[in-house]
Amino acid sequence: MNCLTTAWTTHEPELRGWLRHRLGDVAQADDLLQDLFLKALRQGERFCAVQNARAWLFEVARNTLADRLRVARDTVQLPEDLAAPTDETDTVDTLTACLPRVLSELTVEDREAITLCDLEGMAQADFAAAKGLRLSAAKSRLQRARQRLKQRMTEGCQVQLDDVGRVSDFVPR
């Protein structure tokens, strides 16, 4: 472990400066430096076999910094005027009132596929097995059933979409 102590004593000030420059935050740089030391310490005797300890320490520091930055996500508070209007959600939620009637108008196969997979959460693979179908056939059946349901909902409930394709209005049945 003497080789680690020697390398750390030699390169720690340079690593600290490099990290502080990259992060702009002394506390975060010190935390990352501590993580780097622990990673070097975990190497045990293998660290002594490293040809260039400085290069190894900087490479691990760079990777640790990249990992930290990848995980860190800055958040920005949105202005209140950008908040989603609540009536949009209410419109979509109340559209479910049309669902039972429209479902009853579908074929048994379409109704069963949508009910089991979409409403009850059955996996498509399980649906395929239960119906004796290949997975690709079950997916196709469900896709076609969804298209017919959408068409019936649009026609039967007179669904109106806004310019970006969201439900803006409908006529309950």
Protein backbone atom coordinates (compact mmCIF):
# COMPACT_ATOMS: atom_id res chain seq x y z
CA MET A 1 0.00 0.00 0.00
CA ASN A 2 3.02 2.26 0.17
CA CYS A 3 2.82 2.76 -3.61
CA LEU A 4 -0.75 4.10 -3.28
CA THR A 5 0.22 6.47 -0.48
CA THR A 6 3.16 7.77 -2.51
CA ALA A 7 1.10 8.22 -5.67
CA TRP A 8 -1.75 9.85 -3.78
CA THR A 9 0.51 12.27 -1.94
CA THR A 10 2.17 13.22 -5.22
CA HIS A 11 -0.93 13.64 -7.39
CA GLU A 12 -3.73 14.58 -4.98
CA PRO A 13 -3.25 18.38 -5.19
CA GLU A 14 -3.31 18.27 -9.00
CA LEU A 15 -6.38 16.01 -9.02
CA ARG A 16 -8.16 18.28 -6.53
CA GLY A 17 -7.48 21.33 -8.70
CA TRP A 18 -8.61 19.53 -11.86
CA LEU A 19 -11.86 18.40 -10.24
CA ARG A 20 -12.57 21.82 -8.71
CA HIS A 21 -12.03 23.45 -12.08
CA ARG A 22 -14.37 20.97 -13.82
CA LEU A 23 -17.11 21.02 -11.18
CA GLY A 24 -16.93 24.60 -9.97
CA ASP A 25 -17.95 23.38 -6.52
CA VAL A 26 -15.35 22.68 -3.81
CA ALA A 27 -17.58 20.30 -1.82
CA GLN A 28 -18.51 18.21 -4.87
CA ALA A 29 -14.86 18.09 -5.96
CA ASP A 30 -13.81 16.89 -2.51
CA ASP A 31 -16.54 14.23 -2.53
CA LEU A 32 -15.41 13.01 -5.92
CA LEU A 33 -11.79 13.02 -4.78
CA GLN A 34 -12.75 10.83 -1.84
CA ASP A 35 -14.58 8.43 -4.21
CA LEU A 36 -11.45 8.33 -6.36
CA PHE A 37 -9.24 7.49 -3.38
CA LEU A 38 -11.60 4.67 -2.36
CA LYS A 39 -11.50 3.25 -5.88
CA ALA A 40 -7.71 3.30 -5.82
CA LEU A 41 -7.71 1.74 -2.36
CA ARG A 42 -9.98 -1.10 -3.56
CA GLN A 43 -7.39 -1.98 -6.17
CA GLY A 44 -5.10 -3.17 -3.37
CA GLU A 45 -1.84 -4.64 -4.66
CA ARG A 46 -2.99 -4.24 -8.27
CA PHE A 47 -2.52 -0.49 -7.93
CA CYS A 48 1.20 -1.05 -7.40
CA ALA A 49 1.36 -2.87 -10.75
CA VAL A 50 0.06 0.20 -12.63
CA GLN A 51 2.78 1.61 -14.90
CA ASN A 52 1.71 5.25 -14.65
CA ALA A 53 -0.17 5.99 -11.42
CA ARG A 54 -0.91 9.60 -12.43
CA ALA A 55 -2.50 8.53 -15.71
CA TRP A 56 -4.55 5.86 -13.93
CA LEU A 57 -5.77 8.32 -11.29
CA PHE A 58 -6.76 10.91 -13.88
CA GLU A 59 -8.52 8.34 -16.05
CA VAL A 60 -10.53 7.06 -13.10
CA ALA A 61 -11.22 10.67 -12.03
CA ARG A 62 -12.48 11.53 -15.52
CA ASN A 63 -14.74 8.46 -15.60
CA THR A 64 -16.05 9.10 -12.09
CA LEU A 65 -16.77 12.73 -13.02
CA ALA A 66 -18.57 11.62 -16.19
CA ASP A 67 -20.70 9.18 -14.19
CA ARG A 68 -21.56 11.88 -11.65
CA LEU A 69 -22.51 14.38 -14.33
CA ARG A 70 -24.55 11.82 -16.22
CA VAL A 71 -26.66 11.12 -13.14
CA ALA A 72 -26.99 14.75 -12.04
CA ARG A 73 -29.96 16.48 -13.55
CA ASP A 74 -30.62 20.13 -13.02
CA THR A 75 -34.25 21.03 -12.62
CA VAL A 76 -35.82 24.31 -13.53
CA GLN A 77 -39.09 25.51 -12.07
CA LEU A 78 -41.56 26.15 -14.87
CA PRO A 79 -43.51 29.39 -14.87
CA GLU A 80 -47.10 29.02 -13.73
CA ASP A 81 -48.46 30.08 -17.11
CA LEU A 82 -46.93 26.93 -18.65
CA ALA A 83 -48.78 24.56 -16.34
CA ALA A 84 -51.06 22.09 -18.10
CA PRO A 85 -54.70 23.09 -17.97
CA THR A 86 -56.75 20.79 -15.78
CA ASP A 87 -59.73 20.72 -18.15
CA GLU A 88 -57.64 18.80 -20.72
CA THR A 89 -57.13 15.96 -18.24
CA ASP A 90 -60.77 16.10 -17.24
CA THR A 91 -61.84 15.78 -20.88
CA VAL A 92 -59.76 12.64 -21.41
CA ASP A 93 -60.84 11.15 -18.09
CA THR A 94 -64.52 11.68 -18.80
CA LEU A 95 -64.06 10.13 -22.24
CA THR A 96 -63.88 6.78 -20.42
CA ALA A 97 -67.64 7.09 -19.98
CA CYS A 98 -67.95 6.18 -23.67
CA LEU A 99 -65.73 3.12 -23.33
CA PRO A 100 -68.21 0.47 -22.04
CA ARG A 101 -70.73 1.13 -24.77
CA VAL A 102 -68.13 1.24 -27.55
CA LEU A 103 -66.47 -1.93 -26.22
CA SER A 104 -69.82 -3.72 -26.31
CA GLU A 105 -70.13 -2.84 -30.00
CA LEU A 106 -66.82 -4.51 -30.90
CA THR A 107 -66.47 -8.14 -31.91
CA VAL A 108 -65.86 -10.69 -29.16
CA GLU A 109 -62.23 -11.12 -30.28
CA ASP A 110 -61.50 -7.37 -30.28
CA ARG A 111 -63.25 -6.82 -26.95
CA GLU A 112 -61.42 -9.74 -25.36
CA ALA A 113 -57.99 -8.60 -26.60
CA ILE A 114 -58.49 -5.04 -25.35
CA THR A 115 -60.05 -6.08 -22.07
CA LEU A 116 -57.39 -8.64 -21.19
CA CYS A 117 -54.29 -6.82 -22.42
CA ASP A 118 -55.09 -3.13 -22.04
CA LEU A 119 -57.61 -2.96 -19.23
CA GLU A 120 -56.56 -5.92 -17.07
CA GLY A 121 -52.83 -5.72 -17.85
CA MET A 122 -52.27 -9.23 -19.19
CA ALA A 123 -48.93 -9.57 -20.98
CA GLN A 124 -49.25 -10.05 -24.71
CA ALA A 125 -47.17 -13.25 -24.49
CA ASP A 126 -49.64 -14.65 -21.95
CA PHE A 127 -52.56 -13.61 -24.14
CA ALA A 128 -50.93 -15.38 -27.09
CA ALA A 129 -50.44 -18.55 -25.05
CA ALA A 130 -54.02 -18.47 -23.74
CA LYS A 131 -55.40 -18.09 -27.26
CA GLY A 132 -53.03 -20.58 -28.87
CA LEU A 133 -51.46 -17.87 -31.05
CA ARG A 134 -47.93 -16.94 -31.89
CA LEU A 135 -46.81 -13.74 -30.19
CA SER A 136 -46.69 -11.84 -33.49
CA ALA A 137 -50.26 -12.88 -34.27
CA ALA A 138 -51.46 -11.81 -30.81
CA LYS A 139 -49.75 -8.43 -31.20
CA SER A 140 -51.34 -7.92 -34.59
CA ARG A 141 -54.77 -8.87 -33.24
CA LEU A 142 -54.43 -6.41 -30.38
CA GLN A 143 -53.19 -3.65 -32.69
CA ARG A 144 -56.13 -4.11 -35.06
CA ALA A 145 -58.56 -4.18 -32.11
CA ARG A 146 -57.11 -0.90 -30.82
CA GLN A 147 -57.51 0.70 -34.24
CA ARG A 148 -61.15 -0.39 -34.43
CA LEU A 149 -61.76 0.85 -30.88
CA LYS A 150 -60.25 4.23 -31.73
CA GLN A 151 -62.36 4.48 -34.88
CA ARG A 152 -65.55 3.59 -32.99
CA MET A 153 -64.72 6.02 -30.16
CA THR A 154 -64.01 8.80 -32.64
CA GLU A 155 -67.23 8.22 -34.58
CA GLY A 156 -69.59 7.12 -31.84
CA CYS A 157 -68.54 9.67 -29.21
CA GLN A 158 -67.78 12.38 -31.76
CA VAL A 159 -64.27 12.86 -30.40
CA GLN A 160 -62.62 16.07 -31.51
CA LEU A 161 -58.84 16.44 -31.48
CA ASP A 162 -56.86 19.65 -31.20
CA ASP A 163 -54.05 20.63 -33.56
CA VAL A 164 -51.51 18.42 -31.76
CA GLY A 165 -53.74 15.33 -31.66
CA ARG A 166 -55.01 15.53 -28.08
CA VAL A 167 -58.65 15.01 -27.19
CA SER A 168 -60.27 18.43 -26.87
CA ASP A 169 -63.97 17.53 -26.80
CA PHE A 170 -66.49 14.69 -27.27
CA VAL A 171 -70.16 13.92 -26.97
CA PRO A 172 -70.98 11.39 -24.25
CA ARG A 173 -73.25 8.52 -25.22
